[in-house]
Amino acid sequence: IELFERFSGYETNNRYRVLNTMGQQIYFAREETDACTRNCCGPQRPFVIHVEDNAGQEVIRINRPYKCMCYGQCFSCAECCQDEVEVESPVGTVVGYVKQLYEDCEIRYSIQDADHNTVLRLHGPNYCNCYCPGDDFPFSLLSRDGQSELGKVSKHWSNLFREWYTDADNFGIRFPMDLDVKMKGVMLGALFLIDFMFFEKSQNNN
C-alpha cells in the first residue's frame, strides 16, 4: 500500500499496529477520512482514528479538527493554527486533549484532561533541527511543570529504503506504569498527531 502511494501519488487511509514491549499486537488503528480530504489537504487533513482491540471492538477514538498551516508549524502563534486532537474512551466519552503550544520555534504540546487542564507536557526538538539518516526523533514526556522527565515518545529510524520510499514509520511510547489509563489513551492520540504533523509525507510535494 505504501509503495502504491509513493509511485501513484494517491493517498490512502493510514493504518497502524500497536504492540506491547514483547512485540504482541494489542490494538489496531485505522484512519477514517474521505479521498478528497486526504489528497487535497495532505498531512494537515482532519481525521478520525478508530483504535480497536484484537476482538475488533473500538476502544478509543481520536478526532483531529482542521487547522491552518502556519509556515511549517514554526509560527503557530494563532489559535487557528495550533494543532490538537480530542480523545474519546470509551467512544462518546472525552477523556482528554493534546494541544500544540506556541513557544517560539520549539515543539511543545500540552497533554490535557477532559476539562482542558494540563496534566503533562510533551517537548520535542526545535522545528529547525536537522537529523541524519539513522537518528531517532525524540519527544520528552514531562511533568506538568516541565521539570521532571517521565517518559518519551520517539520516532524510530527503520532503514533507508523504508524511510525514503514509503510512508511507513515506527514509533515508541514510554510512560510510567501507574499513569492514569485515560492519559495513556491521550498519549496514543499525541503519537498520531505527531505522525501527521511531522512524518506524514505530502504526495503533492514528494
C-alpha atoms as a PDB file:
ATOM      1  CA  ILE A   1       0.000   0.000   0.000  1.00  0.00           C
ATOM      2  CA  GLU A   2       2.772   2.432   0.952  1.00  0.00           C
ATOM      3  CA  LEU A   3       4.688   1.795  -2.289  1.00  0.00           C
ATOM      4  CA  PHE A   4       1.445   2.309  -4.212  1.00  0.00           C
ATOM      5  CA  GLU A   5       1.078   5.707  -2.516  1.00  0.00           C
ATOM      6  CA  ARG A   6       4.654   6.675  -3.310  1.00  0.00           C
ATOM      7  CA  PHE A   7       4.516   5.867  -7.006  1.00  0.00           C
ATOM      8  CA  SER A   8       0.895   6.785  -7.723  1.00  0.00           C
ATOM      9  CA  GLY A   9       0.656   9.912  -5.563  1.00  0.00           C
ATOM     10  CA  TYR A  10      -2.734   8.724  -4.301  1.00  0.00           C
ATOM     11  CA  GLU A  11      -3.054   8.969  -0.511  1.00  0.00           C
ATOM     12  CA  THR A  12      -4.852   6.113   1.241  1.00  0.00           C
ATOM     13  CA  ASN A  13      -6.142   5.866   4.821  1.00  0.00           C
ATOM     14  CA  ASN A  14      -3.369   5.212   7.328  1.00  0.00           C
ATOM     15  CA  ARG A  15      -3.335   2.001   9.335  1.00  0.00           C
ATOM     16  CA  TYR A  16      -1.352   1.178  12.460  1.00  0.00           C
ATOM     17  CA  ARG A  17      -0.472  -1.830  14.600  1.00  0.00           C
ATOM     18  CA  VAL A  18       0.014  -1.087  18.312  1.00  0.00           C
ATOM     19  CA  LEU A  19       2.357  -3.553  20.009  1.00  0.00           C
ATOM     20  CA  ASN A  20       3.415  -4.084  23.617  1.00  0.00           C
ATOM     21  CA  THR A  21       7.044  -4.375  24.715  1.00  0.00           C
ATOM     22  CA  MET A  22       7.005  -8.100  23.854  1.00  0.00           C
ATOM     23  CA  GLY A  23       6.012  -7.379  20.269  1.00  0.00           C
ATOM     24  CA  GLN A  24       2.446  -8.642  20.703  1.00  0.00           C
ATOM     25  CA  GLN A  25      -0.317  -6.710  18.970  1.00  0.00           C
ATOM     26  CA  ILE A  26      -2.773  -5.188  21.447  1.00  0.00           C
ATOM     27  CA  TYR A  27      -4.574  -2.704  19.203  1.00  0.00           C
ATOM     28  CA  PHE A  28      -5.197  -1.991  15.545  1.00  0.00           C
ATOM     29  CA  ALA A  29      -5.820   1.610  14.478  1.00  0.00           C
ATOM     30  CA  ARG A  30      -7.272   2.888  11.222  1.00  0.00           C
ATOM     31  CA  GLU A  31      -7.774   6.360   9.839  1.00  0.00           C
ATOM     32  CA  GLU A  32     -11.166   7.458   8.544  1.00  0.00           C
ATOM     33  CA  THR A  33     -11.151  10.330   6.052  1.00  0.00           C
ATOM     34  CA  ASP A  34     -12.620  10.693   2.581  1.00  0.00           C
ATOM     35  CA  ALA A  35     -10.451  10.562  -0.532  1.00  0.00           C
ATOM     36  CA  CYS A  36     -10.911  14.253  -1.351  1.00  0.00           C
ATOM     37  CA  THR A  37      -9.766  15.363   2.123  1.00  0.00           C
ATOM     38  CA  ARG A  38      -6.752  13.029   2.118  1.00  0.00           C
ATOM     39  CA  ASN A  39      -5.496  14.042  -1.280  1.00  0.00           C
ATOM     40  CA  CYS A  40      -6.289  17.766  -1.138  1.00  0.00           C
ATOM     41  CA  CYS A  41      -5.321  18.593   2.458  1.00  0.00           C
ATOM     42  CA  GLY A  42      -2.373  16.184   2.792  1.00  0.00           C
ATOM     43  CA  PRO A  43      -0.779  15.973   6.266  1.00  0.00           C
ATOM     44  CA  GLN A  44      -2.892  18.908   7.510  1.00  0.00           C
ATOM     45  CA  ARG A  45      -6.117  16.987   6.987  1.00  0.00           C
ATOM     46  CA  PRO A  46      -8.658  16.475   9.745  1.00  0.00           C
ATOM     47  CA  PHE A  47      -9.137  12.832  10.678  1.00  0.00           C
ATOM     48  CA  VAL A  48     -10.866  10.306  12.879  1.00  0.00           C
ATOM     49  CA  ILE A  49      -8.747   7.373  14.022  1.00  0.00           C
ATOM     50  CA  HIS A  50     -10.530   4.295  15.327  1.00  0.00           C
ATOM     51  CA  VAL A  51      -8.480   2.197  17.765  1.00  0.00           C
ATOM     52  CA  GLU A  52      -9.752  -1.368  18.099  1.00  0.00           C
ATOM     53  CA  ASP A  53      -8.736  -4.267  20.320  1.00  0.00           C
ATOM     54  CA  ASN A  54      -7.932  -7.695  18.917  1.00  0.00           C
ATOM     55  CA  ALA A  55     -11.619  -8.607  19.032  1.00  0.00           C
ATOM     56  CA  GLY A  56     -12.443  -5.703  16.701  1.00  0.00           C
ATOM     57  CA  GLN A  57     -14.117  -3.639  19.439  1.00  0.00           C
ATOM     58  CA  GLU A  58     -13.454   0.107  19.190  1.00  0.00           C
ATOM     59  CA  VAL A  59     -11.933   1.207  22.500  1.00  0.00           C
ATOM     60  CA  ILE A  60     -10.509   4.647  21.630  1.00  0.00           C
ATOM     61  CA  ARG A  61     -11.490   7.282  19.096  1.00  0.00           C
ATOM     62  CA  ILE A  62      -9.184  10.170  18.181  1.00  0.00           C
ATOM     63  CA  ASN A  63     -10.534  13.262  16.424  1.00  0.00           C
ATOM     64  CA  ARG A  64      -8.431  15.953  14.767  1.00  0.00           C
ATOM     65  CA  PRO A  65     -10.123  19.134  13.512  1.00  0.00           C
ATOM     66  CA  TYR A  66      -8.738  21.038  10.557  1.00  0.00           C
ATOM     67  CA  LYS A  67      -6.200  23.749  11.383  1.00  0.00           C
ATOM     68  CA  CYS A  68      -4.453  26.235   9.110  1.00  0.00           C
ATOM     69  CA  MET A  69      -0.792  25.594   8.328  1.00  0.00           C
ATOM     70  CA  CYS A  70       1.458  28.416   9.538  1.00  0.00           C
ATOM     71  CA  TYR A  71       4.758  28.333   7.664  1.00  0.00           C
ATOM     72  CA  GLY A  72       5.871  24.826   8.539  1.00  0.00           C
ATOM     73  CA  GLN A  73       4.406  24.992  12.083  1.00  0.00           C
ATOM     74  CA  CYS A  74       7.163  27.323  13.306  1.00  0.00           C
ATOM     75  CA  PHE A  75       4.823  30.329  13.543  1.00  0.00           C
ATOM     76  CA  SER A  76       1.751  28.683  15.062  1.00  0.00           C
ATOM     77  CA  CYS A  77       1.137  31.665  17.300  1.00  0.00           C
ATOM     78  CA  ALA A  78      -2.564  31.990  16.422  1.00  0.00           C
ATOM     79  CA  GLU A  79      -5.243  29.758  17.894  1.00  0.00           C
ATOM     80  CA  CYS A  80      -6.486  28.865  14.419  1.00  0.00           C
ATOM     81  CA  CYS A  81      -3.070  27.369  13.600  1.00  0.00           C
ATOM     82  CA  GLN A  82      -2.426  25.324  16.745  1.00  0.00           C
ATOM     83  CA  ASP A  83      -2.978  21.636  16.100  1.00  0.00           C
ATOM     84  CA  GLU A  84      -4.911  19.466  18.524  1.00  0.00           C
ATOM     85  CA  VAL A  85      -6.697  16.150  18.915  1.00  0.00           C
ATOM     86  CA  GLU A  86      -9.601  15.076  21.109  1.00  0.00           C
ATOM     87  CA  VAL A  87      -9.532  11.571  22.591  1.00  0.00           C
ATOM     88  CA  GLU A  88     -12.615   9.537  23.498  1.00  0.00           C
ATOM     89  CA  SER A  89     -12.523   6.321  25.555  1.00  0.00           C
ATOM     90  CA  PRO A  90     -14.967   4.690  25.516  1.00  0.00           C
ATOM     91  CA  VAL A  91     -16.394   6.181  22.332  1.00  0.00           C
ATOM     92  CA  GLY A  92     -18.617   9.137  23.210  1.00  0.00           C
ATOM     93  CA  THR A  93     -16.746   9.980  26.434  1.00  0.00           C
ATOM     94  CA  VAL A  94     -13.979  12.585  26.080  1.00  0.00           C
ATOM     95  CA  VAL A  95     -11.018  11.755  28.324  1.00  0.00           C
ATOM     96  CA  GLY A  96      -8.534  14.360  27.176  1.00  0.00           C
ATOM     97  CA  TYR A  97      -6.875  16.516  24.557  1.00  0.00           C
ATOM     98  CA  VAL A  98      -3.459  17.065  23.037  1.00  0.00           C
ATOM     99  CA  LYS A  99      -2.856  20.742  22.261  1.00  0.00           C
ATOM    100  CA  GLN A 100       0.040  22.257  20.341  1.00  0.00           C
ATOM    101  CA  LEU A 101       1.647  25.143  22.225  1.00  0.00           C
ATOM    102  CA  TYR A 102       3.356  28.191  20.798  1.00  0.00           C
ATOM    103  CA  GLU A 103       6.804  28.579  22.355  1.00  0.00           C
ATOM    104  CA  ASP A 104       8.907  30.262  19.675  1.00  0.00           C
ATOM    105  CA  CYS A 105      10.434  27.566  17.441  1.00  0.00           C
ATOM    106  CA  GLU A 106      10.300  24.772  19.998  1.00  0.00           C
ATOM    107  CA  ILE A 107       7.950  21.792  19.505  1.00  0.00           C
ATOM    108  CA  ARG A 108       5.659  21.738  22.539  1.00  0.00           C
ATOM    109  CA  TYR A 109       2.368  20.060  23.453  1.00  0.00           C
ATOM    110  CA  SER A 110       0.044  20.173  26.426  1.00  0.00           C
ATOM    111  CA  ILE A 111      -1.454  16.809  27.443  1.00  0.00           C
ATOM    112  CA  GLN A 112      -4.821  17.733  28.952  1.00  0.00           C
ATOM    113  CA  ASP A 113      -7.666  16.056  30.804  1.00  0.00           C
ATOM    114  CA  ALA A 114     -11.320  16.262  29.791  1.00  0.00           C
ATOM    115  CA  ASP A 115     -11.607  19.732  31.392  1.00  0.00           C
ATOM    116  CA  HIS A 116      -8.643  21.104  29.411  1.00  0.00           C
ATOM    117  CA  ASN A 117      -6.388  21.113  32.487  1.00  0.00           C
ATOM    118  CA  THR A 118      -2.736  20.426  31.662  1.00  0.00           C
ATOM    119  CA  VAL A 119      -1.648  17.118  33.193  1.00  0.00           C
ATOM    120  CA  LEU A 120       1.626  16.528  31.323  1.00  0.00           C
ATOM    121  CA  ARG A 121       3.799  18.252  28.748  1.00  0.00           C
ATOM    122  CA  LEU A 122       5.465  16.838  25.665  1.00  0.00           C
ATOM    123  CA  HIS A 123       8.617  18.588  24.477  1.00  0.00           C
ATOM    124  CA  GLY A 124      10.191  17.901  21.101  1.00  0.00           C
ATOM    125  CA  PRO A 125      13.267  19.374  19.447  1.00  0.00           C
ATOM    126  CA  ASN A 126      13.487  22.701  17.673  1.00  0.00           C
ATOM    127  CA  TYR A 127      11.406  22.936  14.473  1.00  0.00           C
ATOM    128  CA  CYS A 128      14.613  23.780  12.614  1.00  0.00           C
ATOM    129  CA  ASN A 129      16.623  20.775  13.863  1.00  0.00           C
ATOM    130  CA  CYS A 130      18.264  18.617  11.219  1.00  0.00           C
ATOM    131  CA  TYR A 131      18.587  14.862  11.650  1.00  0.00           C
ATOM    132  CA  CYS A 132      20.945  12.485   9.876  1.00  0.00           C
ATOM    133  CA  PRO A 133      19.914   9.083   8.496  1.00  0.00           C
ATOM    134  CA  GLY A 134      19.844   6.608  11.381  1.00  0.00           C
ATOM    135  CA  ASP A 135      18.802   9.144  14.026  1.00  0.00           C
ATOM    136  CA  ASP A 136      15.669   8.768  16.125  1.00  0.00           C
ATOM    137  CA  PHE A 137      13.341  11.748  16.595  1.00  0.00           C
ATOM    138  CA  PRO A 138      12.656  12.101  20.372  1.00  0.00           C
ATOM    139  CA  PHE A 139       9.893  13.860  22.317  1.00  0.00           C
ATOM    140  CA  SER A 140      10.241  14.018  26.112  1.00  0.00           C
ATOM    141  CA  LEU A 141       7.203  13.405  28.305  1.00  0.00           C
ATOM    142  CA  LEU A 142       7.438  15.813  31.236  1.00  0.00           C
ATOM    143  CA  SER A 143       5.551  16.615  34.411  1.00  0.00           C
ATOM    144  CA  ARG A 144       3.052  19.466  34.351  1.00  0.00           C
ATOM    145  CA  ASP A 145       5.689  21.991  35.461  1.00  0.00           C
ATOM    146  CA  GLY A 146       8.131  20.689  32.856  1.00  0.00           C
ATOM    147  CA  GLN A 147      10.801  19.879  35.442  1.00  0.00           C
ATOM    148  CA  SER A 148      10.769  16.061  35.565  1.00  0.00           C
ATOM    149  CA  GLU A 149      11.064  13.651  32.637  1.00  0.00           C
ATOM    150  CA  LEU A 150       8.556  10.822  32.986  1.00  0.00           C
ATOM    151  CA  GLY A 151       8.788   9.093  29.640  1.00  0.00           C
ATOM    152  CA  LYS A 152       9.324   9.547  25.943  1.00  0.00           C
ATOM    153  CA  VAL A 153       7.690   9.358  22.531  1.00  0.00           C
ATOM    154  CA  SER A 154      10.160   8.546  19.759  1.00  0.00           C
ATOM    155  CA  LYS A 155      10.004   8.096  16.029  1.00  0.00           C
ATOM    156  CA  HIS A 156      12.471   5.272  15.354  1.00  0.00           C
ATOM    157  CA  TRP A 157      14.648   5.035  12.275  1.00  0.00           C
ATOM    158  CA  SER A 158      13.735   1.968  10.190  1.00  0.00           C
ATOM    159  CA  ASN A 159      16.011   1.670   7.169  1.00  0.00           C
ATOM    160  CA  LEU A 160      16.970   3.807   4.200  1.00  0.00           C
ATOM    161  CA  PHE A 161      14.547   2.232   1.727  1.00  0.00           C
ATOM    162  CA  ARG A 162      11.578   2.380   4.082  1.00  0.00           C
ATOM    163  CA  GLU A 163      12.288   5.944   5.186  1.00  0.00           C
ATOM    164  CA  TRP A 164      12.790   7.396   1.700  1.00  0.00           C
ATOM    165  CA  TYR A 165      10.399   5.397  -0.428  1.00  0.00           C
ATOM    166  CA  THR A 166       7.431   4.633   1.815  1.00  0.00           C
ATOM    167  CA  ASP A 167       5.166   6.436   4.258  1.00  0.00           C
ATOM    168  CA  ALA A 168       5.539   3.743   6.936  1.00  0.00           C
ATOM    169  CA  ASP A 169       7.063   4.653  10.318  1.00  0.00           C
ATOM    170  CA  ASN A 170       7.866   3.043  13.657  1.00  0.00           C
ATOM    171  CA  PHE A 171       7.127   4.845  16.930  1.00  0.00           C
ATOM    172  CA  GLY A 172       7.676   4.013  20.566  1.00  0.00           C
ATOM    173  CA  ILE A 173       5.964   5.331  23.709  1.00  0.00           C
ATOM    174  CA  ARG A 174       7.356   5.024  27.224  1.00  0.00           C
ATOM    175  CA  PHE A 175       5.398   6.279  30.241  1.00  0.00           C
ATOM    176  CA  PRO A 176       5.070   5.431  33.968  1.00  0.00           C
ATOM    177  CA  MET A 177       3.245   2.177  34.679  1.00  0.00           C
ATOM    178  CA  ASP A 178       0.986   3.959  37.170  1.00  0.00           C
ATOM    179  CA  LEU A 179      -0.043   6.691  34.705  1.00  0.00           C
ATOM    180  CA  ASP A 180      -3.811   7.083  34.627  1.00  0.00           C
ATOM    181  CA  VAL A 181      -5.253   4.796  31.951  1.00  0.00           C
ATOM    182  CA  LYS A 182      -7.135   7.747  30.429  1.00  0.00           C
ATOM    183  CA  MET A 183      -3.872   9.642  29.974  1.00  0.00           C
ATOM    184  CA  LYS A 184      -2.325   6.581  28.322  1.00  0.00           C
ATOM    185  CA  GLY A 185      -5.062   6.803  25.723  1.00  0.00           C
ATOM    186  CA  VAL A 186      -4.403  10.519  25.300  1.00  0.00           C
ATOM    187  CA  MET A 187      -0.706   9.763  24.786  1.00  0.00           C
ATOM    188  CA  LEU A 188      -1.664   7.476  21.920  1.00  0.00           C
ATOM    189  CA  GLY A 189      -3.515  10.436  20.441  1.00  0.00           C
ATOM    190  CA  ALA A 190      -0.347  12.522  20.811  1.00  0.00           C
ATOM    191  CA  LEU A 191       1.607   9.946  18.856  1.00  0.00           C
ATOM    192  CA  PHE A 192      -0.830  10.029  15.937  1.00  0.00           C
ATOM    193  CA  LEU A 193      -0.823  13.833  15.916  1.00  0.00           C
ATOM    194  CA  ILE A 194       2.986  13.886  15.827  1.00  0.00           C
ATOM    195  CA  ASP A 195       2.982  11.380  12.973  1.00  0.00           C
ATOM    196  CA  PHE A 196       0.707  13.556  10.844  1.00  0.00           C
ATOM    197  CA  MET A 197       2.401  16.845  11.699  1.00  0.00           C
ATOM    198  CA  PHE A 198       5.990  15.765  11.051  1.00  0.00           C
ATOM    199  CA  PHE A 199       6.202  12.410   9.297  1.00  0.00           C
ATOM    200  CA  GLU A 200       3.194  12.132   7.000  1.00  0.00           C
ATOM    201  CA  LYS A 201       4.640  12.940   3.599  1.00  0.00           C
ATOM    202  CA  SER A 202       2.697  15.200   1.253  1.00  0.00           C
ATOM    203  CA  GLN A 203       2.172  13.386  -2.045  1.00  0.00           C
ATOM    204  CA  ASN A 204       1.971  16.736  -3.837  1.00  0.00           C
ATOM    205  CA  ASN A 205       5.418  17.785  -2.656  1.00  0.00           C
ATOM    206  CA  ASN A 206       7.310  14.479  -2.712  1.00  0.00           C
END
